[in-house]
Amino acid sequence: MNIARLRFPLESTELKDFVDALDPVNAVADRATGFVWRLQSDTGNATDVPVFGDSWLIVNMSVWRDTDALTAFMYQGRHRELLARRREWFERVDEAMTALWWVPAGVRPTVADAEERLRHLREHGPTERAFTLRKPFPAPGTAG
C-alpha cells in the first residue's frame, strides 16, 4: 500500500497529467507479470477510497506475487515516468507512506488492514508484519 498527500485537488489543472495517466498505468499493471489484484472503486481506480479519514490522502493498494514483480513494474515504462514527477503532485511527508506485507493466496487486504500495517511500520520500523522495498522480509515459510 502506498498513500500520498495531494498538493492540489484531484480535479485541478495541476493534477491533470496524473489523473489522465491513472487508467493507462493501471491497465499496464493489470497485465504485468506477477500482478494479482488492486484496490479500486467503481471509478476503476482508488482515488475516491477514503484512507485515514483525510480527504487530501489518496491510496494505492495492490497485491503482487513478490517484491521483484512489484519492483519491475514500478521502475519501468509510464509508471517510472510518473514516479519521477511525484513531487509536482504530492506533498513531501517525513513519515512512512508505503508499507508492504505478505498476504495468503486469495486474500484481498482492506484499507483498514493497510492503515494498521502502515501505523505498525511507522511505530516499529520494518518488521515481518510491515516492511519496505528497501528492507524487505521473506514470505512466511520461505528462506530469506
Protein backbone atom coordinates (compact mmCIF):
# COMPACT_ATOMS: atom_id res chain seq x y z
CA MET A 1 0.00 0.00 0.00
CA ASN A 2 1.07 3.48 -0.73
CA ILE A 3 -0.59 6.71 0.28
CA ALA A 4 0.15 10.19 -0.93
CA ARG A 5 -0.90 13.64 0.26
CA LEU A 6 -2.21 15.69 -2.64
CA ARG A 7 -0.79 19.15 -3.24
CA PHE A 8 -3.91 20.15 -5.20
CA PRO A 9 -7.49 18.88 -5.59
CA LEU A 10 -7.80 15.90 -7.94
CA GLU A 11 -9.96 17.99 -10.29
CA SER A 12 -7.31 20.72 -10.59
CA THR A 13 -5.34 21.50 -13.73
CA GLU A 14 -2.16 20.88 -11.73
CA LEU A 15 -3.11 17.19 -11.34
CA LYS A 16 -4.47 16.68 -14.86
CA ASP A 17 -1.41 14.74 -16.12
CA PHE A 18 -1.54 12.47 -13.06
CA VAL A 19 -5.28 11.83 -13.30
CA ASP A 20 -5.12 11.27 -17.07
CA ALA A 21 -2.38 8.66 -16.58
CA LEU A 22 -4.26 6.58 -13.98
CA ASP A 23 -6.24 4.37 -16.36
CA PRO A 24 -3.35 3.65 -18.75
CA VAL A 25 -0.92 2.89 -15.92
CA ASN A 26 -3.47 0.70 -14.14
CA ALA A 27 -4.09 -1.18 -17.40
CA VAL A 28 -0.36 -1.92 -17.68
CA ALA A 29 -0.27 -3.04 -14.05
CA ASP A 30 -3.27 -5.31 -14.57
CA ARG A 31 -1.34 -7.15 -17.32
CA ALA A 32 2.07 -7.13 -15.63
CA THR A 33 3.88 -10.32 -14.73
CA GLY A 34 3.26 -11.09 -11.08
CA PHE A 35 0.25 -8.80 -10.68
CA VAL A 36 -2.59 -10.36 -8.64
CA TRP A 37 -5.10 -7.66 -7.61
CA ARG A 38 -5.52 -3.93 -6.96
CA LEU A 39 -7.91 -1.89 -4.89
CA GLN A 40 -10.44 0.00 -6.98
CA SER A 41 -13.81 1.62 -6.61
CA ASP A 42 -16.49 1.94 -9.28
CA THR A 43 -14.26 4.55 -10.94
CA GLY A 44 -11.68 1.88 -11.83
CA ASN A 45 -9.05 3.35 -9.53
CA ALA A 46 -8.88 4.12 -5.81
CA THR A 47 -8.61 7.91 -5.72
CA ASP A 48 -12.03 8.16 -4.06
CA VAL A 49 -11.39 5.43 -1.47
CA PRO A 50 -11.02 7.08 1.96
CA VAL A 51 -7.85 6.45 3.93
CA PHE A 52 -7.00 7.63 7.47
CA GLY A 53 -10.09 9.89 7.35
CA ASP A 54 -8.12 12.53 5.43
CA SER A 55 -9.60 13.79 2.15
CA TRP A 56 -6.16 15.01 0.98
CA LEU A 57 -4.73 11.48 1.08
CA ILE A 58 -5.13 9.01 -1.76
CA VAL A 59 -4.37 5.31 -1.53
CA ASN A 60 -2.92 2.84 -3.97
CA MET A 61 -3.05 -0.77 -2.83
CA SER A 62 -2.23 -3.87 -4.83
CA VAL A 63 -1.18 -7.48 -4.40
CA TRP A 64 1.80 -8.86 -6.30
CA ARG A 65 3.36 -12.32 -6.45
CA ASP A 66 6.55 -11.00 -4.85
CA THR A 67 8.60 -7.84 -4.35
CA ASP A 68 10.59 -8.49 -7.54
CA ALA A 69 7.41 -8.34 -9.65
CA LEU A 70 6.31 -5.14 -7.91
CA THR A 71 9.71 -3.52 -8.36
CA ALA A 72 9.86 -4.50 -12.04
CA PHE A 73 6.55 -2.75 -12.65
CA MET A 74 7.30 0.31 -10.54
CA TYR A 75 10.58 1.26 -12.17
CA GLN A 76 9.79 0.85 -15.85
CA GLY A 77 7.69 2.49 -18.53
CA ARG A 78 4.96 5.01 -17.85
CA HIS A 79 4.87 4.28 -14.11
CA ARG A 80 8.53 5.22 -13.83
CA GLU A 81 7.84 8.47 -15.70
CA LEU A 82 5.05 9.35 -13.29
CA LEU A 83 7.14 8.37 -10.28
CA ALA A 84 9.74 10.88 -11.41
CA ARG A 85 7.09 13.64 -11.32
CA ARG A 86 5.57 12.76 -7.92
CA ARG A 87 6.90 15.94 -6.22
CA GLU A 88 4.80 18.04 -8.63
CA TRP A 89 1.59 16.39 -7.41
CA PHE A 90 2.19 15.18 -3.85
CA GLU A 91 3.47 16.75 -0.65
CA ARG A 92 6.74 15.63 0.86
CA VAL A 93 5.97 13.80 4.08
CA ASP A 94 8.53 12.76 6.70
CA GLU A 95 6.72 9.66 7.93
CA ALA A 96 6.41 6.36 6.08
CA MET A 97 3.76 6.44 3.36
CA THR A 98 4.33 2.94 1.96
CA ALA A 99 4.04 -0.43 3.64
CA LEU A 100 4.38 -3.94 2.27
CA TRP A 101 3.35 -7.22 3.84
CA TRP A 102 2.69 -10.78 2.74
CA VAL A 103 -0.89 -11.95 2.32
CA PRO A 104 -2.01 -15.54 1.86
CA ALA A 105 -3.11 -16.53 -1.63
CA GLY A 106 -6.69 -15.46 -2.32
CA VAL A 107 -6.76 -12.83 0.44
CA ARG A 108 -7.68 -9.28 -0.53
CA PRO A 109 -6.48 -6.79 2.08
CA THR A 110 -8.76 -3.96 3.16
CA VAL A 111 -7.94 -0.30 3.63
CA ALA A 112 -8.26 -0.90 7.39
CA ASP A 113 -5.62 -3.65 7.08
CA ALA A 114 -3.37 -1.25 5.19
CA GLU A 115 -3.81 1.55 7.72
CA GLU A 116 -2.90 -0.83 10.54
CA ARG A 117 0.22 -2.08 8.71
CA LEU A 118 1.38 1.45 7.95
CA ARG A 119 0.86 2.50 11.57
CA HIS A 120 2.88 -0.54 12.64
CA LEU A 121 5.70 0.35 10.26
CA ARG A 122 5.75 3.93 11.48
CA GLU A 123 5.89 2.80 15.10
CA HIS A 124 8.30 -0.14 14.87
CA GLY A 125 10.20 0.25 11.62
CA PRO A 126 10.41 -2.61 9.12
CA THR A 127 9.40 -5.96 10.58
CA GLU A 128 7.83 -9.13 9.22
CA ARG A 129 4.43 -7.50 9.89
CA ALA A 130 5.09 -4.44 7.70
CA PHE A 131 8.20 -3.65 5.70
CA THR A 132 9.56 -1.62 2.79
CA LEU A 133 11.24 -2.37 -0.52
CA ARG A 134 14.48 -1.09 1.00
CA LYS A 135 14.19 -3.53 3.89
CA PRO A 136 12.02 -6.45 2.72
CA PHE A 137 11.27 -9.62 4.66
CA PRO A 138 10.86 -13.03 3.04
CA ALA A 139 7.44 -14.56 2.58
CA PRO A 140 6.41 -16.76 5.51
CA GLY A 141 7.67 -20.31 5.09
CA THR A 142 10.48 -19.36 2.70
CA ALA A 143 14.19 -18.98 3.25
CA GLY A 144 15.30 -15.37 3.50
